[in-house]
Amino acid sequence: MTNVSFTVSLPENYRSREVLQYYGRDKTETSEKAWKDGFKKALWVKNYPAHFVVNFDAFQAYVDANVDARLKKATVKRVIDSVVSSVLGLSQPVAEFESMAFADCILKRMVSQTAGLRVPQSVSAWEALVGSIIGQQVSVVAATSTRSRFIKGLGVANTSGLYCFPTPKIIASCKANDLREFGMSHAKANTIHRVATSIDLGEFSLDKDSTGHFFEKFSRQLLSYKGIGPWTVNYTLLRGYAFLDGSLHGDVVIRKKTLELLGKSMISTEEVEQWLTQYRPWRGLLAAHLWAMS
């Protein structure tokens, strides 16, 4: 086993509540667990089961991580530091968004309550993608239950007792119909299995390249898979890559919150999409603020 511990500095107005909500959504605590001022999460490090723990105070986060293998501590620290910084959203340019929002008569009312918000990230793009597919057109409670059963059924437990998310290789080695045992529809099971098989065969990659057109190319590739539409793509980009301009106008909660924010009695999905367009390139981050509205 390899253990590393370190601290991460937090911005002055950092909000931990969204991270704690995101990693505390599964009350069965299959792959993650959150408490008043911290959380822990299972993940893979160099293909070995691992987990990390984050505890918050006012200005920093204390991180402790364990890998179920003997690896170089410098390597483990580098991997965990990168994951934690991403999960906490520390590199997201939220100040730029807030500068725009406070100058907007409509957004100002909302952002005065939610300033400092960052979008919590999944520990991997693969986990974000599968979670997005599972979450299509169902409640958060139903999606969380299915996700938990899926992880426990096919994931790998580490020494913390948490389960690491099933890898594409694990999913590809199953039959698509096997995934239905965890409460997935036939369509969702087929979609997840199809994408996992493509990744395992090297036909499709979730690795972000250095070109300036990655998000456009990635979106086109994902949309080519049956069962994946714009909401799934944009939610994956938001949670898996911190892409802050994906339009989530099809999200039921976003539509409801937009209705409240604008003080309207009715609004269509198309109207929400049109309204969000004026706030490019911040549509995804704006969605997160709408979710956080009291």
Protein backbone atom coordinates (compact mmCIF):
# COMPACT_ATOMS: atom_id res chain seq x y z
CA MET A 1 0.00 0.00 0.00
CA THR A 2 1.13 3.54 -0.74
CA ASN A 3 -0.06 6.51 1.31
CA VAL A 4 0.36 10.22 0.63
CA SER A 5 -0.90 13.29 2.49
CA PHE A 6 -0.79 16.96 1.50
CA THR A 7 -2.79 20.18 1.67
CA VAL A 8 -4.41 22.21 -1.09
CA SER A 9 -4.98 25.95 -0.79
CA LEU A 10 -8.53 27.14 -1.44
CA PRO A 11 -9.72 30.46 -2.91
CA GLU A 12 -10.99 32.96 -0.38
CA ASN A 13 -14.65 32.52 -1.32
CA TYR A 14 -14.54 28.77 -1.99
CA ARG A 15 -17.85 26.94 -1.52
CA SER A 16 -17.50 23.33 -0.43
CA ARG A 17 -21.25 22.68 -0.23
CA GLU A 18 -21.67 21.73 -3.91
CA VAL A 19 -18.80 19.23 -3.73
CA LEU A 20 -20.20 17.70 -0.55
CA GLN A 21 -23.66 17.46 -2.11
CA TYR A 22 -22.26 15.88 -5.28
CA TYR A 23 -20.21 13.28 -3.41
CA GLY A 24 -22.89 12.73 -0.80
CA ARG A 25 -25.72 11.93 -3.20
CA ASP A 26 -25.37 8.14 -2.82
CA LYS A 27 -26.66 7.37 0.66
CA THR A 28 -25.57 3.74 0.32
CA GLU A 29 -21.97 5.05 0.20
CA THR A 30 -20.92 2.55 -2.46
CA SER A 31 -18.16 4.54 -4.16
CA GLU A 32 -18.11 7.79 -2.19
CA LYS A 33 -19.12 9.20 1.16
CA ALA A 34 -19.55 12.77 2.39
CA TRP A 35 -19.92 14.30 5.84
CA LYS A 36 -20.21 17.82 7.28
CA ASP A 37 -16.78 19.05 6.20
CA GLY A 38 -15.29 16.36 3.99
CA PHE A 39 -15.69 13.41 1.68
CA LYS A 40 -13.89 10.34 0.37
CA LYS A 41 -13.97 8.73 -3.05
CA ALA A 42 -12.71 5.52 -4.64
CA LEU A 43 -10.81 5.66 -7.92
CA TRP A 44 -8.18 3.91 -9.99
CA VAL A 45 -4.53 4.99 -9.80
CA LYS A 46 -2.28 3.40 -12.40
CA ASN A 47 -4.88 0.61 -12.73
CA TYR A 48 -4.82 -0.14 -8.99
CA PRO A 49 -7.77 0.38 -6.62
CA ALA A 50 -7.34 3.48 -4.48
CA HIS A 51 -9.24 6.14 -2.58
CA PHE A 52 -8.67 9.65 -1.28
CA VAL A 53 -10.12 11.65 1.59
CA VAL A 54 -10.61 15.43 1.58
CA ASN A 55 -11.33 17.45 4.74
CA PHE A 56 -12.09 21.15 4.43
CA ASP A 57 -11.34 24.08 6.67
CA ALA A 58 -11.75 27.78 5.87
CA PHE A 59 -8.73 28.22 3.60
CA GLN A 60 -7.40 24.80 2.67
CA ALA A 61 -8.24 21.16 2.08
CA TYR A 62 -6.38 18.32 3.77
CA VAL A 63 -5.90 15.36 1.45
CA ASP A 64 -5.00 11.79 2.38
CA ALA A 65 -4.82 9.05 -0.25
CA ASN A 66 -4.13 5.32 -0.31
CA VAL A 67 -3.35 3.05 -3.26
CA ASP A 68 -3.62 -0.72 -2.87
CA ALA A 69 -0.17 -1.24 -4.37
CA ARG A 70 3.43 -0.18 -3.83
CA LEU A 71 4.07 2.78 -6.12
CA LYS A 72 6.37 5.75 -6.00
CA LYS A 73 4.94 8.32 -3.61
CA ALA A 74 5.80 11.15 -5.99
CA THR A 75 3.74 9.46 -8.70
CA VAL A 76 0.75 8.91 -6.42
CA LYS A 77 0.89 12.49 -5.13
CA ARG A 78 1.01 13.87 -8.67
CA VAL A 79 -2.02 11.82 -9.74
CA ILE A 80 -4.09 12.53 -6.62
CA ASP A 81 -3.19 16.23 -6.60
CA SER A 82 -4.38 16.53 -10.20
CA VAL A 83 -7.62 14.65 -9.49
CA VAL A 84 -8.43 16.60 -6.33
CA SER A 85 -7.73 19.97 -7.97
CA SER A 86 -10.06 18.95 -10.80
CA VAL A 87 -12.78 17.56 -8.50
CA LEU A 88 -12.78 20.77 -6.45
CA GLY A 89 -12.92 22.91 -9.61
CA LEU A 90 -9.93 24.99 -8.55
CA SER A 91 -8.84 25.98 -12.04
CA GLN A 92 -12.30 27.05 -13.22
CA PRO A 93 -12.34 30.77 -14.17
CA VAL A 94 -15.37 31.58 -12.04
CA ALA A 95 -14.29 35.18 -11.39
CA GLU A 96 -14.74 35.97 -15.10
CA PHE A 97 -18.27 34.60 -15.06
CA GLU A 98 -19.17 36.46 -11.88
CA SER A 99 -17.85 39.74 -13.26
CA MET A 100 -20.24 39.32 -16.18
CA ALA A 101 -23.10 38.11 -13.99
CA PHE A 102 -22.95 40.97 -11.50
CA ALA A 103 -23.25 43.41 -14.42
CA ASP A 104 -26.42 41.65 -15.60
CA CYS A 105 -29.64 42.81 -13.95
CA ILE A 106 -31.19 39.32 -14.05
CA LEU A 107 -28.22 37.18 -13.04
CA LYS A 108 -27.07 39.57 -10.32
CA ARG A 109 -29.91 38.53 -8.00
CA MET A 110 -28.99 34.87 -8.29
CA VAL A 111 -25.19 35.17 -8.18
CA SER A 112 -25.35 37.36 -5.07
CA GLN A 113 -26.47 34.13 -3.34
CA THR A 114 -24.23 31.67 -5.18
CA ALA A 115 -20.95 33.59 -5.64
CA GLY A 116 -17.86 31.39 -5.48
CA LEU A 117 -19.64 28.34 -6.90
CA ARG A 118 -17.56 25.90 -8.91
CA VAL A 119 -18.78 22.81 -10.74
CA PRO A 120 -17.70 19.63 -8.88
CA GLN A 121 -16.05 17.15 -11.21
CA SER A 122 -16.17 13.38 -11.53
CA VAL A 123 -12.83 11.69 -10.92
CA SER A 124 -12.78 10.56 -14.56
CA ALA A 125 -14.49 11.40 -17.83
CA TRP A 126 -15.60 7.76 -18.10
CA GLU A 127 -17.43 7.97 -14.77
CA ALA A 128 -19.04 11.25 -15.86
CA LEU A 129 -20.17 9.74 -19.17
CA VAL A 130 -21.72 6.60 -17.69
CA GLY A 131 -23.39 8.66 -14.97
CA SER A 132 -24.85 10.93 -17.65
CA ILE A 133 -26.29 8.00 -19.58
CA ILE A 134 -27.77 6.44 -16.44
CA GLY A 135 -29.28 9.82 -15.51
CA GLN A 136 -31.16 10.33 -18.78
CA GLN A 137 -34.82 11.22 -18.20
CA VAL A 138 -35.03 9.84 -14.66
CA SER A 139 -34.99 11.45 -11.23
CA VAL A 140 -31.74 12.00 -9.34
CA VAL A 141 -32.89 9.43 -6.77
CA ALA A 142 -33.54 6.77 -9.42
CA ALA A 143 -30.29 7.49 -11.25
CA THR A 144 -28.28 7.37 -8.02
CA SER A 145 -29.83 4.03 -7.06
CA THR A 146 -29.05 2.47 -10.45
CA ARG A 147 -25.53 3.88 -10.44
CA SER A 148 -24.87 2.48 -6.96
CA ARG A 149 -26.07 -1.01 -7.93
CA PHE A 150 -24.00 -0.88 -11.11
CA ILE A 151 -20.83 0.10 -9.24
CA LYS A 152 -21.27 -2.49 -6.51
CA GLY A 153 -22.16 -5.20 -9.02
CA LEU A 154 -19.22 -4.72 -11.37
CA GLY A 155 -16.76 -2.45 -9.55
CA VAL A 156 -13.74 -3.44 -7.48
CA ALA A 157 -13.53 -2.77 -3.74
CA ASN A 158 -10.39 -1.24 -2.27
CA THR A 159 -9.11 -1.42 1.30
CA SER A 160 -11.38 1.46 2.36
CA GLY A 161 -14.45 -0.63 1.56
CA LEU A 162 -15.47 1.71 -1.26
CA TYR A 163 -15.88 0.39 -4.79
CA CYS A 164 -13.89 1.70 -7.75
CA PHE A 165 -16.03 2.47 -10.79
CA PRO A 166 -16.19 -0.36 -13.39
CA THR A 167 -13.71 0.29 -16.20
CA PRO A 168 -14.54 0.10 -19.92
CA LYS A 169 -12.66 -3.21 -20.09
CA ILE A 170 -14.81 -4.69 -17.32
CA ILE A 171 -18.00 -3.56 -19.06
CA ALA A 172 -16.82 -4.75 -22.47
CA SER A 173 -16.18 -8.22 -21.03
CA CYS A 174 -19.85 -8.49 -20.03
CA LYS A 175 -22.91 -8.84 -22.20
CA ALA A 176 -25.03 -5.74 -22.63
CA ASN A 177 -27.99 -7.58 -21.14
CA ASP A 178 -26.01 -8.19 -17.93
CA LEU A 179 -26.21 -4.47 -17.18
CA ARG A 180 -29.98 -4.63 -16.96
CA GLU A 181 -29.63 -6.49 -13.65
CA PHE A 182 -28.78 -3.13 -12.07
CA GLY A 183 -32.02 -1.44 -13.09
CA MET A 184 -31.01 -0.01 -16.45
CA SER A 185 -33.30 0.06 -19.42
CA HIS A 186 -32.43 -2.04 -22.46
CA ALA A 187 -31.45 1.12 -24.37
CA LYS A 188 -29.14 2.49 -21.66
CA ALA A 189 -27.47 -0.90 -21.14
CA ASN A 190 -26.78 -1.19 -24.86
CA THR A 191 -25.43 2.36 -25.08
CA ILE A 192 -23.02 1.95 -22.16
CA HIS A 193 -21.83 -1.43 -23.43
CA ARG A 194 -21.37 -0.09 -26.97
CA VAL A 195 -19.26 2.87 -25.82
CA ALA A 196 -17.24 0.74 -23.40
CA THR A 197 -16.44 -1.75 -26.17
CA SER A 198 -15.36 1.05 -28.51
CA ILE A 199 -13.01 2.42 -25.85
CA ASP A 200 -11.63 -1.03 -25.02
CA LEU A 201 -10.93 -1.69 -28.73
CA GLY A 202 -9.22 1.70 -29.13
CA GLU A 203 -11.87 2.99 -31.53
CA PHE A 204 -12.88 5.85 -29.24
CA SER A 205 -10.92 7.74 -26.58
CA LEU A 206 -11.96 9.92 -23.65
CA ASP A 207 -8.48 11.45 -23.38
CA LYS A 208 -8.49 15.16 -24.02
CA ASP A 209 -6.05 16.15 -26.77
CA SER A 210 -4.19 19.42 -27.08
CA THR A 211 -6.02 20.66 -30.18
CA GLY A 212 -8.35 23.62 -29.96
CA HIS A 213 -11.25 21.60 -31.39
CA PHE A 214 -11.45 18.75 -28.90
CA PHE A 215 -14.91 19.54 -27.53
CA GLU A 216 -16.47 19.85 -30.99
CA LYS A 217 -14.88 16.60 -32.18
CA PHE A 218 -15.72 14.79 -28.95
CA SER A 219 -19.35 15.94 -29.13
CA ARG A 220 -19.72 14.70 -32.71
CA GLN A 221 -18.23 11.33 -31.80
CA LEU A 222 -20.48 10.85 -28.78
CA LEU A 223 -23.59 11.88 -30.70
CA SER A 224 -22.85 9.16 -33.24
CA TYR A 225 -23.71 6.53 -30.61
CA LYS A 226 -27.33 5.49 -30.49
CA GLY A 227 -28.84 6.53 -27.17
CA ILE A 228 -26.70 9.63 -26.67
CA GLY A 229 -28.16 13.07 -27.26
CA PRO A 230 -27.17 16.70 -26.57
CA TRP A 231 -28.07 16.63 -22.85
CA THR A 232 -25.84 13.58 -22.24
CA VAL A 233 -22.97 15.13 -24.19
CA ASN A 234 -23.16 18.50 -22.45
CA TYR A 235 -23.55 17.01 -18.98
CA THR A 236 -20.55 14.75 -19.61
CA LEU A 237 -18.51 17.73 -20.78
CA LEU A 238 -19.52 19.70 -17.69
CA ARG A 239 -18.79 16.99 -15.11
CA GLY A 240 -15.97 15.20 -16.90
CA TYR A 241 -13.99 18.03 -18.49
CA ALA A 242 -15.14 21.23 -16.72
CA PHE A 243 -16.35 22.55 -20.06
CA LEU A 244 -18.44 25.48 -18.84
CA ASP A 245 -20.38 26.33 -22.01
CA GLY A 246 -22.49 23.25 -22.67
CA SER A 247 -26.18 24.15 -22.96
CA LEU A 248 -28.34 22.15 -20.55
CA HIS A 249 -31.62 23.69 -21.66
CA GLY A 250 -33.21 20.24 -21.80
CA ASP A 251 -32.70 19.69 -18.07
CA VAL A 252 -36.04 19.78 -16.20
CA VAL A 253 -34.59 21.55 -13.15
CA ILE A 254 -32.84 24.16 -15.31
CA ARG A 255 -36.12 24.91 -17.05
CA LYS A 256 -37.92 25.25 -13.71
CA LYS A 257 -35.24 27.50 -12.19
CA THR A 258 -35.09 29.67 -15.32
CA LEU A 259 -38.83 30.12 -15.04
CA GLU A 260 -38.42 31.30 -11.44
CA LEU A 261 -35.49 33.57 -12.23
CA LEU A 262 -37.29 35.29 -15.10
CA GLY A 263 -40.56 35.52 -13.18
CA LYS A 264 -42.56 33.81 -15.91
CA SER A 265 -45.51 31.45 -15.61
CA MET A 266 -44.55 29.32 -18.63
CA ILE A 267 -41.41 28.73 -20.68
CA SER A 268 -40.54 26.21 -23.37
CA THR A 269 -37.30 24.27 -23.76
CA GLU A 270 -36.59 26.26 -26.92
CA GLU A 271 -37.04 29.53 -25.04
CA VAL A 272 -34.64 28.38 -22.34
CA GLU A 273 -32.09 27.46 -25.01
CA GLN A 274 -32.46 30.87 -26.65
CA TRP A 275 -32.17 32.69 -23.31
CA LEU A 276 -28.99 30.80 -22.38
CA THR A 277 -27.33 31.62 -25.71
CA GLN A 278 -26.69 35.23 -24.70
CA TYR A 279 -24.47 33.99 -21.85
CA ARG A 280 -21.95 32.05 -23.91
CA PRO A 281 -19.32 30.85 -23.03
CA TRP A 282 -20.77 30.28 -19.55
CA ARG A 283 -23.97 28.31 -20.17
CA GLY A 284 -22.82 25.23 -18.23
CA LEU A 285 -21.60 27.24 -15.25
CA LEU A 286 -24.82 29.25 -15.32
CA ALA A 287 -26.72 25.94 -15.17
CA ALA A 288 -24.80 25.04 -12.01
CA HIS A 289 -25.81 28.36 -10.43
CA LEU A 290 -29.44 27.68 -11.39
CA TRP A 291 -29.23 24.25 -9.73
CA ALA A 292 -27.90 25.93 -6.58
CA MET A 293 -30.63 28.59 -6.42
CA SER A 294 -32.44 28.57 -3.08
